[in-house]
Amino acid sequence: MEELLTELQTDLEAELVSELHNDSDKALLTSKIKGAYRTVKRKRNYQGHHTQEFIDSDMLSMYDIIKELAMYDWNHVGAEGEVSHSENGINRTWNSRNDILVDVIPFATVL
């Protein structure tokens, strides 16, 4: 898990270099990455028989989804809960966060 989170942090810091002005910005980015990781892991719905090794490997395959979700959450800082925005003739509408998670297919338990 730590390896994946470190790689995501490095890649997103490189992409957001012009927006990360101090340590608190980096800490906020770290928080968004961890939140995205936990959201994808929860949505994946790992079962009791899944080993930590399997989970880590599987989550690595979800890299692009976690990264996209973390970037989505970063871009919404200060605008959480906003459905649309209009200012000086500029209109802004956001996609749903769930649009990103649609590619995360959960494991199911057969009864």
N, C-alpha and C. Protein backbone atom coordinates (compact mmCIF):
# COMPACT_ATOMS: atom_id res chain seq x y z
N MET A 1 0.82 -1.18 0.00
CA MET A 1 0.00 0.00 0.00
C MET A 1 0.87 1.26 0.00
N GLU A 2 1.89 1.28 0.85
CA GLU A 2 2.73 2.48 0.96
C GLU A 2 3.42 2.80 -0.36
N GLU A 3 3.84 1.76 -1.07
CA GLU A 3 4.51 1.97 -2.36
C GLU A 3 3.57 2.65 -3.35
N LEU A 4 2.33 2.20 -3.40
CA LEU A 4 1.34 2.78 -4.30
C LEU A 4 1.05 4.23 -3.92
N LEU A 5 0.87 4.48 -2.62
CA LEU A 5 0.57 5.84 -2.17
C LEU A 5 1.73 6.79 -2.45
N THR A 6 2.95 6.30 -2.29
CA THR A 6 4.13 7.12 -2.57
C THR A 6 4.22 7.44 -4.05
N GLU A 7 3.96 6.44 -4.90
CA GLU A 7 3.99 6.67 -6.34
C GLU A 7 2.92 7.68 -6.77
N LEU A 8 1.73 7.54 -6.21
CA LEU A 8 0.66 8.50 -6.52
C LEU A 8 1.04 9.90 -6.07
N GLN A 9 1.60 10.02 -4.87
CA GLN A 9 2.01 11.32 -4.35
C GLN A 9 3.05 11.96 -5.27
N THR A 10 4.05 11.19 -5.67
CA THR A 10 5.11 11.71 -6.55
C THR A 10 4.54 12.17 -7.88
N ASP A 11 3.70 11.34 -8.48
CA ASP A 11 3.14 11.67 -9.79
C ASP A 11 2.22 12.89 -9.72
N LEU A 12 1.38 12.95 -8.71
CA LEU A 12 0.46 14.08 -8.60
C LEU A 12 1.19 15.38 -8.21
N GLU A 13 2.22 15.28 -7.41
CA GLU A 13 3.01 16.47 -7.09
C GLU A 13 3.68 17.02 -8.35
N ALA A 14 4.12 16.14 -9.23
CA ALA A 14 4.73 16.57 -10.49
C ALA A 14 3.70 17.27 -11.37
N GLU A 15 2.48 16.74 -11.40
CA GLU A 15 1.43 17.34 -12.22
C GLU A 15 0.91 18.66 -11.64
N LEU A 16 0.94 18.75 -10.32
CA LEU A 16 0.36 19.92 -9.65
C LEU A 16 1.43 20.87 -9.11
N VAL A 17 2.63 20.80 -9.64
CA VAL A 17 3.75 21.57 -9.10
C VAL A 17 3.44 23.06 -8.98
N SER A 18 2.68 23.61 -9.91
CA SER A 18 2.37 25.05 -9.87
C SER A 18 1.30 25.38 -8.82
N GLU A 19 0.61 24.36 -8.29
CA GLU A 19 -0.44 24.59 -7.30
C GLU A 19 -0.02 24.26 -5.87
N LEU A 20 1.11 23.59 -5.72
CA LEU A 20 1.57 23.18 -4.39
C LEU A 20 2.60 24.18 -3.91
N HIS A 21 2.15 25.10 -3.07
CA HIS A 21 2.99 26.21 -2.65
C HIS A 21 3.69 25.99 -1.30
N ASN A 22 3.17 25.09 -0.48
CA ASN A 22 3.78 24.88 0.83
C ASN A 22 3.44 23.48 1.33
N ASP A 23 3.93 23.17 2.53
CA ASP A 23 3.72 21.84 3.09
C ASP A 23 2.26 21.53 3.37
N SER A 24 1.46 22.54 3.68
CA SER A 24 0.04 22.27 3.93
C SER A 24 -0.69 21.87 2.65
N ASP A 25 -0.26 22.42 1.50
CA ASP A 25 -0.83 21.99 0.22
C ASP A 25 -0.49 20.53 -0.05
N LYS A 26 0.75 20.15 0.23
CA LYS A 26 1.17 18.76 0.03
C LYS A 26 0.44 17.83 1.00
N ALA A 27 0.22 18.29 2.22
CA ALA A 27 -0.52 17.48 3.19
C ALA A 27 -1.96 17.28 2.74
N LEU A 28 -2.56 18.32 2.19
CA LEU A 28 -3.92 18.22 1.67
C LEU A 28 -3.98 17.23 0.51
N LEU A 29 -2.99 17.29 -0.38
CA LEU A 29 -2.92 16.34 -1.49
C LEU A 29 -2.80 14.91 -0.96
N THR A 30 -1.95 14.72 0.04
CA THR A 30 -1.80 13.39 0.65
C THR A 30 -3.14 12.90 1.18
N SER A 31 -3.88 13.77 1.81
CA SER A 31 -5.20 13.42 2.33
C SER A 31 -6.15 13.01 1.21
N LYS A 32 -6.12 13.72 0.11
CA LYS A 32 -7.00 13.40 -1.02
C LYS A 32 -6.61 12.05 -1.64
N ILE A 33 -5.32 11.77 -1.70
CA ILE A 33 -4.85 10.49 -2.24
C ILE A 33 -5.30 9.34 -1.34
N LYS A 34 -5.10 9.49 -0.04
CA LYS A 34 -5.51 8.44 0.89
C LYS A 34 -7.03 8.24 0.87
N GLY A 35 -7.77 9.32 0.75
CA GLY A 35 -9.23 9.20 0.66
C GLY A 35 -9.66 8.47 -0.59
N ALA A 36 -9.02 8.77 -1.70
CA ALA A 36 -9.34 8.09 -2.96
C ALA A 36 -9.00 6.61 -2.86
N TYR A 37 -7.86 6.31 -2.26
CA TYR A 37 -7.43 4.92 -2.07
C TYR A 37 -8.47 4.16 -1.25
N ARG A 38 -8.88 4.75 -0.14
CA ARG A 38 -9.86 4.09 0.73
C ARG A 38 -11.21 3.92 0.05
N THR A 39 -11.61 4.90 -0.74
CA THR A 39 -12.89 4.81 -1.45
C THR A 39 -12.88 3.65 -2.44
N VAL A 40 -11.79 3.54 -3.21
CA VAL A 40 -11.69 2.46 -4.20
C VAL A 40 -11.62 1.11 -3.49
N LYS A 41 -10.85 1.04 -2.41
CA LYS A 41 -10.73 -0.22 -1.67
C LYS A 41 -12.08 -0.65 -1.11
N ARG A 42 -12.82 0.29 -0.53
CA ARG A 42 -14.14 -0.01 0.01
C ARG A 42 -15.10 -0.45 -1.10
N LYS A 43 -15.06 0.25 -2.22
CA LYS A 43 -15.94 -0.08 -3.35
C LYS A 43 -15.60 -1.46 -3.92
N ARG A 44 -14.32 -1.82 -3.87
CA ARG A 44 -13.87 -3.12 -4.40
C ARG A 44 -14.43 -4.27 -3.56
N ASN A 45 -14.71 -4.01 -2.28
CA ASN A 45 -15.39 -4.97 -1.41
C ASN A 45 -14.63 -6.29 -1.28
N TYR A 46 -13.37 -6.21 -0.87
CA TYR A 46 -12.57 -7.42 -0.70
C TYR A 46 -13.21 -8.34 0.32
N GLN A 47 -13.08 -9.63 0.08
CA GLN A 47 -13.67 -10.65 0.94
C GLN A 47 -12.63 -11.17 1.93
N GLY A 48 -13.08 -11.91 2.92
CA GLY A 48 -12.21 -12.43 3.97
C GLY A 48 -11.08 -13.32 3.47
N HIS A 49 -11.29 -14.00 2.36
CA HIS A 49 -10.25 -14.90 1.85
C HIS A 49 -9.17 -14.17 1.05
N HIS A 50 -9.37 -12.90 0.77
CA HIS A 50 -8.36 -12.15 0.03
C HIS A 50 -7.19 -11.82 0.95
N THR A 51 -5.99 -12.18 0.52
CA THR A 51 -4.80 -11.89 1.31
C THR A 51 -4.39 -10.43 1.11
N GLN A 52 -3.59 -9.92 2.03
CA GLN A 52 -3.08 -8.56 1.89
C GLN A 52 -2.25 -8.42 0.62
N GLU A 53 -1.52 -9.46 0.28
CA GLU A 53 -0.71 -9.45 -0.94
C GLU A 53 -1.61 -9.31 -2.17
N PHE A 54 -2.72 -10.05 -2.20
CA PHE A 54 -3.67 -9.95 -3.31
C PHE A 54 -4.27 -8.56 -3.37
N ILE A 55 -4.67 -8.03 -2.22
CA ILE A 55 -5.29 -6.70 -2.17
C ILE A 55 -4.32 -5.64 -2.67
N ASP A 56 -3.07 -5.70 -2.21
CA ASP A 56 -2.06 -4.73 -2.65
C ASP A 56 -1.85 -4.79 -4.15
N SER A 57 -1.75 -6.01 -4.68
CA SER A 57 -1.56 -6.19 -6.12
C SER A 57 -2.76 -5.69 -6.91
N ASP A 58 -3.95 -6.00 -6.42
CA ASP A 58 -5.18 -5.59 -7.09
C ASP A 58 -5.33 -4.06 -7.05
N MET A 59 -5.02 -3.47 -5.91
CA MET A 59 -5.13 -2.02 -5.80
C MET A 59 -4.12 -1.33 -6.72
N LEU A 60 -2.98 -1.94 -6.94
CA LEU A 60 -2.00 -1.39 -7.88
C LEU A 60 -2.60 -1.32 -9.28
N SER A 61 -3.44 -2.30 -9.63
CA SER A 61 -4.09 -2.29 -10.94
C SER A 61 -5.16 -1.19 -11.03
N MET A 62 -5.54 -0.62 -9.88
CA MET A 62 -6.53 0.46 -9.83
C MET A 62 -5.86 1.84 -9.80
N TYR A 63 -4.56 1.88 -10.08
CA TYR A 63 -3.77 3.10 -10.00
C TYR A 63 -4.44 4.28 -10.72
N ASP A 64 -4.81 4.08 -11.97
CA ASP A 64 -5.37 5.19 -12.76
C ASP A 64 -6.69 5.70 -12.18
N ILE A 65 -7.49 4.81 -11.63
CA ILE A 65 -8.77 5.22 -11.05
C ILE A 65 -8.53 6.00 -9.75
N ILE A 66 -7.61 5.50 -8.93
CA ILE A 66 -7.29 6.20 -7.68
C ILE A 66 -6.71 7.58 -7.99
N LYS A 67 -5.83 7.65 -8.97
CA LYS A 67 -5.22 8.92 -9.34
C LYS A 67 -6.28 9.91 -9.85
N GLU A 68 -7.15 9.43 -10.71
CA GLU A 68 -8.21 10.29 -11.25
C GLU A 68 -9.14 10.78 -10.14
N LEU A 69 -9.46 9.90 -9.21
CA LEU A 69 -10.34 10.27 -8.11
C LEU A 69 -9.66 11.28 -7.18
N ALA A 70 -8.38 11.08 -6.91
CA ALA A 70 -7.63 12.02 -6.07
C ALA A 70 -7.56 13.39 -6.75
N MET A 71 -7.34 13.42 -8.05
CA MET A 71 -7.29 14.67 -8.80
C MET A 71 -8.66 15.35 -8.79
N TYR A 72 -9.71 14.57 -8.94
CA TYR A 72 -11.08 15.09 -8.88
C TYR A 72 -11.32 15.76 -7.53
N ASP A 73 -10.94 15.05 -6.46
CA ASP A 73 -11.13 15.59 -5.11
C ASP A 73 -10.28 16.84 -4.89
N TRP A 74 -9.06 16.84 -5.42
CA TRP A 74 -8.19 18.02 -5.30
C TRP A 74 -8.82 19.22 -6.00
N ASN A 75 -9.37 19.00 -7.17
CA ASN A 75 -9.96 20.09 -7.94
C ASN A 75 -11.24 20.64 -7.32
N HIS A 76 -11.81 19.90 -6.37
CA HIS A 76 -13.03 20.35 -5.71
C HIS A 76 -12.78 21.01 -4.36
N VAL A 77 -11.52 21.17 -4.00
CA VAL A 77 -11.22 21.83 -2.72
C VAL A 77 -11.78 23.25 -2.76
N GLY A 78 -12.60 23.56 -1.79
CA GLY A 78 -13.24 24.87 -1.72
C GLY A 78 -14.57 24.93 -2.44
N ALA A 79 -14.89 23.89 -3.19
CA ALA A 79 -16.16 23.88 -3.91
C ALA A 79 -16.96 22.61 -3.60
N GLU A 80 -16.65 21.99 -2.46
CA GLU A 80 -17.33 20.77 -2.09
C GLU A 80 -18.84 20.99 -2.02
N GLY A 81 -19.58 20.07 -2.59
CA GLY A 81 -21.02 20.15 -2.55
C GLY A 81 -21.65 21.01 -3.63
N GLU A 82 -20.84 21.75 -4.36
CA GLU A 82 -21.37 22.60 -5.42
C GLU A 82 -21.82 21.75 -6.60
N VAL A 83 -23.00 21.99 -7.09
CA VAL A 83 -23.51 21.27 -8.25
C VAL A 83 -23.19 22.02 -9.53
N SER A 84 -23.30 23.33 -9.48
CA SER A 84 -22.92 24.15 -10.63
C SER A 84 -22.46 25.50 -10.11
N HIS A 85 -21.80 26.24 -11.00
CA HIS A 85 -21.23 27.52 -10.59
C HIS A 85 -21.30 28.48 -11.77
N SER A 86 -21.70 29.69 -11.53
CA SER A 86 -21.76 30.71 -12.57
C SER A 86 -21.20 32.00 -11.99
N GLU A 87 -20.23 32.57 -12.72
CA GLU A 87 -19.63 33.81 -12.26
C GLU A 87 -19.08 34.56 -13.48
N ASN A 88 -19.47 35.81 -13.62
CA ASN A 88 -19.00 36.65 -14.73
C ASN A 88 -19.18 35.99 -16.10
N GLY A 89 -20.32 35.35 -16.29
CA GLY A 89 -20.62 34.74 -17.58
C GLY A 89 -19.96 33.39 -17.81
N ILE A 90 -19.23 32.88 -16.83
CA ILE A 90 -18.60 31.57 -16.94
C ILE A 90 -19.41 30.58 -16.12
N ASN A 91 -19.86 29.51 -16.77
CA ASN A 91 -20.63 28.47 -16.11
C ASN A 91 -19.77 27.23 -15.94
N ARG A 92 -19.86 26.61 -14.78
CA ARG A 92 -19.07 25.42 -14.50
C ARG A 92 -19.98 24.37 -13.90
N THR A 93 -19.95 23.17 -14.47
CA THR A 93 -20.71 22.05 -13.96
C THR A 93 -19.74 20.87 -13.83
N TRP A 94 -19.84 20.14 -12.72
CA TRP A 94 -18.93 19.03 -12.47
C TRP A 94 -19.59 17.70 -12.80
N ASN A 95 -18.80 16.76 -13.27
CA ASN A 95 -19.26 15.38 -13.39
C ASN A 95 -19.45 14.82 -12.00
N SER A 96 -20.18 13.75 -11.90
CA SER A 96 -20.36 13.09 -10.62
C SER A 96 -19.10 12.31 -10.26
N ARG A 97 -18.77 12.28 -8.98
CA ARG A 97 -17.64 11.49 -8.49
C ARG A 97 -17.85 10.02 -8.83
N ASN A 98 -19.10 9.59 -8.84
CA ASN A 98 -19.41 8.19 -9.15
C ASN A 98 -19.09 7.82 -10.59
N ASP A 99 -18.99 8.81 -11.48
CA ASP A 99 -18.61 8.51 -12.86
C ASP A 99 -17.21 7.90 -12.93
N ILE A 100 -16.35 8.28 -12.01
CA ILE A 100 -15.00 7.73 -11.96
C ILE A 100 -15.04 6.31 -11.39
N LEU A 101 -15.89 6.10 -10.42
CA LEU A 101 -15.94 4.81 -9.72
C LEU A 101 -16.70 3.73 -10.48
N VAL A 102 -17.28 4.07 -11.60
CA VAL A 102 -18.06 3.09 -12.35
C VAL A 102 -17.19 1.92 -12.84
N ASP A 103 -15.90 2.15 -13.00
CA ASP A 103 -15.00 1.09 -13.47
C ASP A 103 -14.49 0.18 -12.34
N VAL A 104 -14.85 0.49 -11.10
CA VAL A 104 -14.44 -0.34 -9.97
C VAL A 104 -15.52 -1.39 -9.75
N ILE A 105 -15.19 -2.62 -10.08
CA ILE A 105 -16.17 -3.71 -9.98
C ILE A 105 -15.96 -4.44 -8.64
N PRO A 106 -16.98 -4.44 -7.78
CA PRO A 106 -16.83 -5.05 -6.46
C PRO A 106 -16.85 -6.57 -6.53
N PHE A 107 -16.16 -7.17 -5.56
CA PHE A 107 -16.28 -8.62 -5.37
C PHE A 107 -17.60 -8.88 -4.67
N ALA A 108 -18.21 -10.01 -4.98
CA ALA A 108 -19.50 -10.34 -4.38
C ALA A 108 -19.39 -11.63 -3.60
N THR A 109 -20.22 -11.76 -2.61
CA THR A 109 -20.29 -12.99 -1.83
C THR A 109 -21.48 -13.79 -2.33
N VAL A 110 -21.23 -15.07 -2.62
CA VAL A 110 -22.31 -15.95 -3.07
C VAL A 110 -22.86 -16.67 -1.85
N LEU A 111 -24.15 -16.57 -1.67
CA LEU A 111 -24.78 -17.23 -0.52
C LEU A 111 -25.32 -18.58 -0.88
